[in-house]
Amino acid sequence: MIEVRLSDTDSLERALKVFKKKLQKSGLLRELRRRRHYVKPSEARALKTAAAQRRARKKTDTKETW
């Protein structure tokens, strides 16, 4: 559970900024978006291999010099 403690002088905007930063750091929103729709195991494997191929291609592209 994410909790933001404020003093009397803190504003609502500051509280929201701190809350959003803590949400981002915890990865809660990323997990929520990932679980929003059911992904079949075969689709999950396809997504995973596609991501691995993108990473590998990116790694080889950056190592090459023109």
PDB file of N, CA and C in Angstrom:
ATOM      1  N   MET A   1       0.843  -1.166   0.000  1.00  0.00           N
ATOM      2  CA  MET A   1       0.000   0.000   0.000  1.00  0.00           C
ATOM      3  C   MET A   1       0.893   1.235   0.000  1.00  0.00           C
ATOM      4  N   ILE A   2       0.620   2.136  -0.908  1.00  0.00           N
ATOM      5  CA  ILE A   2       1.417   3.347  -1.025  1.00  0.00           C
ATOM      6  C   ILE A   2       0.803   4.419  -0.135  1.00  0.00           C
ATOM      7  N   GLU A   3       1.657   5.051   0.634  1.00  0.00           N
ATOM      8  CA  GLU A   3       1.198   6.047   1.595  1.00  0.00           C
ATOM      9  C   GLU A   3       2.050   7.302   1.454  1.00  0.00           C
ATOM     10  N   VAL A   4       1.390   8.451   1.474  1.00  0.00           N
ATOM     11  CA  VAL A   4       2.091   9.729   1.380  1.00  0.00           C
ATOM     12  C   VAL A   4       1.766  10.525   2.646  1.00  0.00           C
ATOM     13  N   ARG A   5       2.796  10.867   3.371  1.00  0.00           N
ATOM     14  CA  ARG A   5       2.605  11.658   4.590  1.00  0.00           C
ATOM     15  C   ARG A   5       2.965  13.112   4.293  1.00  0.00           C
ATOM     16  N   LEU A   6       2.110  14.004   4.734  1.00  0.00           N
ATOM     17  CA  LEU A   6       2.286  15.424   4.465  1.00  0.00           C
ATOM     18  C   LEU A   6       2.335  16.222   5.753  1.00  0.00           C
ATOM     19  N   SER A   7       2.994  17.346   5.659  1.00  0.00           N
ATOM     20  CA  SER A   7       2.946  18.279   6.781  1.00  0.00           C
ATOM     21  C   SER A   7       1.838  19.289   6.495  1.00  0.00           C
ATOM     22  N   ASP A   8       1.606  20.177   7.428  1.00  0.00           N
ATOM     23  CA  ASP A   8       0.539  21.167   7.257  1.00  0.00           C
ATOM     24  C   ASP A   8       0.831  22.144   6.128  1.00  0.00           C
ATOM     25  N   THR A   9       2.085  22.333   5.814  1.00  0.00           N
ATOM     26  CA  THR A   9       2.437  23.334   4.800  1.00  0.00           C
ATOM     27  C   THR A   9       2.415  22.775   3.381  1.00  0.00           C
ATOM     28  N   ASP A  10       2.365  21.450   3.223  1.00  0.00           N
ATOM     29  CA  ASP A  10       2.378  20.857   1.887  1.00  0.00           C
ATOM     30  C   ASP A  10       1.041  21.069   1.179  1.00  0.00           C
ATOM     31  N   SER A  11       1.126  21.273  -0.140  1.00  0.00           N
ATOM     32  CA  SER A  11      -0.077  21.494  -0.924  1.00  0.00           C
ATOM     33  C   SER A  11      -0.565  20.187  -1.536  1.00  0.00           C
ATOM     34  N   LEU A  12      -1.753  20.233  -2.096  1.00  0.00           N
ATOM     35  CA  LEU A  12      -2.322  19.069  -2.741  1.00  0.00           C
ATOM     36  C   LEU A  12      -1.520  18.687  -3.985  1.00  0.00           C
ATOM     37  N   GLU A  13      -1.039  19.686  -4.709  1.00  0.00           N
ATOM     38  CA  GLU A  13      -0.234  19.419  -5.906  1.00  0.00           C
ATOM     39  C   GLU A  13       1.046  18.663  -5.545  1.00  0.00           C
ATOM     40  N   ARG A  14       1.651  19.057  -4.461  1.00  0.00           N
ATOM     41  CA  ARG A  14       2.865  18.388  -3.989  1.00  0.00           C
ATOM     42  C   ARG A  14       2.564  16.944  -3.599  1.00  0.00           C
ATOM     43  N   ALA A  15       1.431  16.740  -2.928  1.00  0.00           N
ATOM     44  CA  ALA A  15       1.041  15.398  -2.516  1.00  0.00           C
ATOM     45  C   ALA A  15       0.811  14.511  -3.736  1.00  0.00           C
ATOM     46  N   LEU A  16       0.154  15.034  -4.759  1.00  0.00           N
ATOM     47  CA  LEU A  16      -0.075  14.265  -5.976  1.00  0.00           C
ATOM     48  C   LEU A  16       1.229  13.923  -6.673  1.00  0.00           C
ATOM     49  N   LYS A  17       2.152  14.869  -6.707  1.00  0.00           N
ATOM     50  CA  LYS A  17       3.444  14.642  -7.344  1.00  0.00           C
ATOM     51  C   LYS A  17       4.204  13.522  -6.631  1.00  0.00           C
ATOM     52  N   VAL A  18       4.207  13.559  -5.317  1.00  0.00           N
ATOM     53  CA  VAL A  18       4.899  12.529  -4.528  1.00  0.00           C
ATOM     54  C   VAL A  18       4.214  11.176  -4.719  1.00  0.00           C
ATOM     55  N   PHE A  19       2.877  11.174  -4.732  1.00  0.00           N
ATOM     56  CA  PHE A  19       2.124   9.942  -4.909  1.00  0.00           C
ATOM     57  C   PHE A  19       2.409   9.315  -6.269  1.00  0.00           C
ATOM     58  N   LYS A  20       2.390  10.114  -7.323  1.00  0.00           N
ATOM     59  CA  LYS A  20       2.653   9.602  -8.668  1.00  0.00           C
ATOM     60  C   LYS A  20       4.068   9.044  -8.776  1.00  0.00           C
ATOM     61  N   LYS A  21       5.014   9.712  -8.140  1.00  0.00           N
ATOM     62  CA  LYS A  21       6.402   9.244  -8.174  1.00  0.00           C
ATOM     63  C   LYS A  21       6.539   7.893  -7.469  1.00  0.00           C
ATOM     64  N   LYS A  22       5.849   7.738  -6.337  1.00  0.00           N
ATOM     65  CA  LYS A  22       5.898   6.474  -5.612  1.00  0.00           C
ATOM     66  C   LYS A  22       5.221   5.362  -6.409  1.00  0.00           C
ATOM     67  N   LEU A  23       4.114   5.678  -7.091  1.00  0.00           N
ATOM     68  CA  LEU A  23       3.444   4.694  -7.932  1.00  0.00           C
ATOM     69  C   LEU A  23       4.363   4.227  -9.051  1.00  0.00           C
ATOM     70  N   GLN A  24       5.031   5.186  -9.685  1.00  0.00           N
ATOM     71  CA  GLN A  24       5.938   4.868 -10.784  1.00  0.00           C
ATOM     72  C   GLN A  24       7.080   3.982 -10.289  1.00  0.00           C
ATOM     73  N   LYS A  25       7.626   4.317  -9.148  1.00  0.00           N
ATOM     74  CA  LYS A  25       8.763   3.581  -8.607  1.00  0.00           C
ATOM     75  C   LYS A  25       8.383   2.157  -8.201  1.00  0.00           C
ATOM     76  N   SER A  26       7.174   1.996  -7.694  1.00  0.00           N
ATOM     77  CA  SER A  26       6.747   0.671  -7.239  1.00  0.00           C
ATOM     78  C   SER A  26       6.386  -0.250  -8.401  1.00  0.00           C
ATOM     79  N   GLY A  27       6.069   0.302  -9.564  1.00  0.00           N
ATOM     80  CA  GLY A  27       5.700  -0.521 -10.713  1.00  0.00           C
ATOM     81  C   GLY A  27       4.259  -0.982 -10.679  1.00  0.00           C
ATOM     82  N   LEU A  28       3.457  -0.391  -9.820  1.00  0.00           N
ATOM     83  CA  LEU A  28       2.064  -0.801  -9.662  1.00  0.00           C
ATOM     84  C   LEU A  28       1.249  -0.521 -10.925  1.00  0.00           C
ATOM     85  N   LEU A  29       1.431   0.634 -11.539  1.00  0.00           N
ATOM     86  CA  LEU A  29       0.677   0.970 -12.748  1.00  0.00           C
ATOM     87  C   LEU A  29       1.054   0.058 -13.904  1.00  0.00           C
ATOM     88  N   ARG A  30       2.318  -0.263 -14.025  1.00  0.00           N
ATOM     89  CA  ARG A  30       2.767  -1.167 -15.084  1.00  0.00           C
ATOM     90  C   ARG A  30       2.100  -2.530 -14.927  1.00  0.00           C
ATOM     91  N   GLU A  31       2.053  -3.020 -13.698  1.00  0.00           N
ATOM     92  CA  GLU A  31       1.420  -4.301 -13.412  1.00  0.00           C
ATOM     93  C   GLU A  31      -0.077  -4.236 -13.702  1.00  0.00           C
ATOM     94  N   LEU A  32      -0.712  -3.145 -13.356  1.00  0.00           N
ATOM     95  CA  LEU A  32      -2.142  -2.967 -13.605  1.00  0.00           C
ATOM     96  C   LEU A  32      -2.430  -3.000 -15.097  1.00  0.00           C
ATOM     97  N   ARG A  33      -1.644  -2.311 -15.888  1.00  0.00           N
ATOM     98  CA  ARG A  33      -1.840  -2.300 -17.334  1.00  0.00           C
ATOM     99  C   ARG A  33      -1.600  -3.689 -17.926  1.00  0.00           C
ATOM    100  N   ARG A  34      -0.628  -4.396 -17.385  1.00  0.00           N
ATOM    101  CA  ARG A  34      -0.317  -5.730 -17.880  1.00  0.00           C
ATOM    102  C   ARG A  34      -1.468  -6.687 -17.607  1.00  0.00           C
ATOM    103  N   ARG A  35      -2.118  -6.544 -16.481  1.00  0.00           N
ATOM    104  CA  ARG A  35      -3.195  -7.454 -16.096  1.00  0.00           C
ATOM    105  C   ARG A  35      -4.568  -7.009 -16.574  1.00  0.00           C
ATOM    106  N   ARG A  36      -4.662  -5.903 -17.267  1.00  0.00           N
ATOM    107  CA  ARG A  36      -5.954  -5.370 -17.685  1.00  0.00           C
ATOM    108  C   ARG A  36      -6.704  -6.348 -18.586  1.00  0.00           C
ATOM    109  N   HIS A  37      -5.987  -7.005 -19.503  1.00  0.00           N
ATOM    110  CA  HIS A  37      -6.608  -7.954 -20.418  1.00  0.00           C
ATOM    111  C   HIS A  37      -5.903  -9.298 -20.307  1.00  0.00           C
ATOM    112  N   TYR A  38      -6.669 -10.348 -20.475  1.00  0.00           N
ATOM    113  CA  TYR A  38      -6.086 -11.682 -20.430  1.00  0.00           C
ATOM    114  C   TYR A  38      -5.302 -11.926 -21.709  1.00  0.00           C
ATOM    115  N   VAL A  39      -4.113 -12.468 -21.557  1.00  0.00           N
ATOM    116  CA  VAL A  39      -3.279 -12.820 -22.699  1.00  0.00           C
ATOM    117  C   VAL A  39      -3.072 -14.330 -22.658  1.00  0.00           C
ATOM    118  N   LYS A  40      -3.427 -14.988 -23.759  1.00  0.00           N
ATOM    119  CA  LYS A  40      -3.265 -16.433 -23.824  1.00  0.00           C
ATOM    120  C   LYS A  40      -1.778 -16.778 -23.710  1.00  0.00           C
ATOM    121  N   PRO A  41      -1.464 -17.949 -23.174  1.00  0.00           N
ATOM    122  CA  PRO A  41      -0.056 -18.336 -23.025  1.00  0.00           C
ATOM    123  C   PRO A  41       0.716 -18.317 -24.344  1.00  0.00           C
ATOM    124  N   SER A  42       0.065 -18.720 -25.424  1.00  0.00           N
ATOM    125  CA  SER A  42       0.760 -18.713 -26.720  1.00  0.00           C
ATOM    126  C   SER A  42       1.066 -17.280 -27.159  1.00  0.00           C
ATOM    127  N   GLU A  43       0.132 -16.362 -26.908  1.00  0.00           N
ATOM    128  CA  GLU A  43       0.372 -14.953 -27.242  1.00  0.00           C
ATOM    129  C   GLU A  43       1.462 -14.369 -26.357  1.00  0.00           C
ATOM    130  N   ALA A  44       1.477 -14.772 -25.094  1.00  0.00           N
ATOM    131  CA  ALA A  44       2.504 -14.276 -24.176  1.00  0.00           C
ATOM    132  C   ALA A  44       3.885 -14.722 -24.633  1.00  0.00           C
ATOM    133  N   ARG A  45       3.999 -15.981 -25.075  1.00  0.00           N
ATOM    134  CA  ARG A  45       5.276 -16.470 -25.591  1.00  0.00           C
ATOM    135  C   ARG A  45       5.699 -15.690 -26.826  1.00  0.00           C
ATOM    136  N   ALA A  46       4.731 -15.422 -27.716  1.00  0.00           N
ATOM    137  CA  ALA A  46       5.041 -14.678 -28.938  1.00  0.00           C
ATOM    138  C   ALA A  46       5.512 -13.265 -28.599  1.00  0.00           C
ATOM    139  N   LEU A  47       4.858 -12.622 -27.647  1.00  0.00           N
ATOM    140  CA  LEU A  47       5.265 -11.281 -27.230  1.00  0.00           C
ATOM    141  C   LEU A  47       6.661 -11.300 -26.617  1.00  0.00           C
ATOM    142  N   LYS A  48       6.916 -12.320 -25.819  1.00  0.00           N
ATOM    143  CA  LYS A  48       8.205 -12.429 -25.149  1.00  0.00           C
ATOM    144  C   LYS A  48       9.339 -12.639 -26.154  1.00  0.00           C
ATOM    145  N   THR A  49       9.121 -13.516 -27.138  1.00  0.00           N
ATOM    146  CA  THR A  49      10.159 -13.744 -28.137  1.00  0.00           C
ATOM    147  C   THR A  49      10.359 -12.523 -29.019  1.00  0.00           C
ATOM    148  N   ALA A  50       9.275 -11.819 -29.345  1.00  0.00           N
ATOM    149  CA  ALA A  50       9.398 -10.600 -30.151  1.00  0.00           C
ATOM    150  C   ALA A  50      10.203  -9.544 -29.404  1.00  0.00           C
ATOM    151  N   ALA A  51       9.965  -9.422 -28.101  1.00  0.00           N
ATOM    152  CA  ALA A  51      10.709  -8.448 -27.299  1.00  0.00           C
ATOM    153  C   ALA A  51      12.187  -8.837 -27.233  1.00  0.00           C
ATOM    154  N   ALA A  52      12.467 -10.124 -27.112  1.00  0.00           N
ATOM    155  CA  ALA A  52      13.853 -10.587 -27.071  1.00  0.00           C
ATOM    156  C   ALA A  52      14.550 -10.310 -28.399  1.00  0.00           C
ATOM    157  N   GLN A  53      13.843 -10.516 -29.496  1.00  0.00           N
ATOM    158  CA  GLN A  53      14.419 -10.231 -30.813  1.00  0.00           C
ATOM    159  C   GLN A  53      14.704  -8.743 -30.981  1.00  0.00           C
ATOM    160  N   ARG A  54      13.786  -7.897 -30.494  1.00  0.00           N
ATOM    161  CA  ARG A  54      14.004  -6.439 -30.571  1.00  0.00           C
ATOM    162  C   ARG A  54      15.233  -6.039 -29.768  1.00  0.00           C
ATOM    163  N   ARG A  55      15.370  -6.617 -28.557  1.00  0.00           N
ATOM    164  CA  ARG A  55      16.535  -6.296 -27.729  1.00  0.00           C
ATOM    165  C   ARG A  55      17.821  -6.750 -28.405  1.00  0.00           C
ATOM    166  N   ALA A  56      17.800  -7.945 -28.971  1.00  0.00           N
ATOM    167  CA  ALA A  56      18.993  -8.476 -29.632  1.00  0.00           C
ATOM    168  C   ALA A  56      19.347  -7.623 -30.851  1.00  0.00           C
ATOM    169  N   ARG A  57      18.345  -7.236 -31.616  1.00  0.00           N
ATOM    170  CA  ARG A  57      18.585  -6.406 -32.792  1.00  0.00           C
ATOM    171  C   ARG A  57      19.129  -5.038 -32.383  1.00  0.00           C
ATOM    172  N   LYS A  58      18.589  -4.503 -31.326  1.00  0.00           N
ATOM    173  CA  LYS A  58      19.055  -3.197 -30.832  1.00  0.00           C
ATOM    174  C   LYS A  58      20.504  -3.301 -30.356  1.00  0.00           C
ATOM    175  N   LYS A  59      20.822  -4.411 -29.688  1.00  0.00           N
ATOM    176  CA  LYS A  59      22.175  -4.592 -29.166  1.00  0.00           C
ATOM    177  C   LYS A  59      23.185  -4.722 -30.308  1.00  0.00           C
ATOM    178  N   THR A  60      22.836  -5.458 -31.354  1.00  0.00           N
ATOM    179  CA  THR A  60      23.751  -5.633 -32.477  1.00  0.00           C
ATOM    180  C   THR A  60      23.851  -4.365 -33.312  1.00  0.00           C
ATOM    181  N   ASP A  61      22.758  -3.601 -33.416  1.00  0.00           N
ATOM    182  CA  ASP A  61      22.771  -2.364 -34.190  1.00  0.00           C
ATOM    183  C   ASP A  61      23.679  -1.314 -33.546  1.00  0.00           C
ATOM    184  N   THR A  62      23.710  -1.263 -32.232  1.00  0.00           N
ATOM    185  CA  THR A  62      24.511  -0.257 -31.564  1.00  0.00           C
ATOM    186  C   THR A  62      25.988  -0.616 -31.570  1.00  0.00           C
ATOM    187  N   LYS A  63      26.320  -1.913 -31.699  1.00  0.00           N
ATOM    188  CA  LYS A  63      27.712  -2.313 -31.698  1.00  0.00           C
ATOM    189  C   LYS A  63      28.377  -2.066 -33.052  1.00  0.00           C
ATOM    190  N   GLU A  64      27.580  -2.082 -34.104  1.00  0.00           N
ATOM    191  CA  GLU A  64      28.154  -1.876 -35.438  1.00  0.00           C
ATOM    192  C   GLU A  64      28.564  -0.418 -35.617  1.00  0.00           C
ATOM    193  N   THR A  65      29.659  -0.227 -36.303  1.00  0.00           N
ATOM    194  CA  THR A  65      30.095   1.137 -36.612  1.00  0.00           C
ATOM    195  C   THR A  65      30.049   1.343 -38.111  1.00  0.00           C
ATOM    196  N   TRP A  66      29.723   2.516 -38.511  1.00  0.00           N
ATOM    197  CA  TRP A  66      29.565   2.797 -39.938  1.00  0.00           C
ATOM    198  C   TRP A  66      30.860   3.214 -40.529  1.00  0.00           C
TER     199      TRP A  66
END
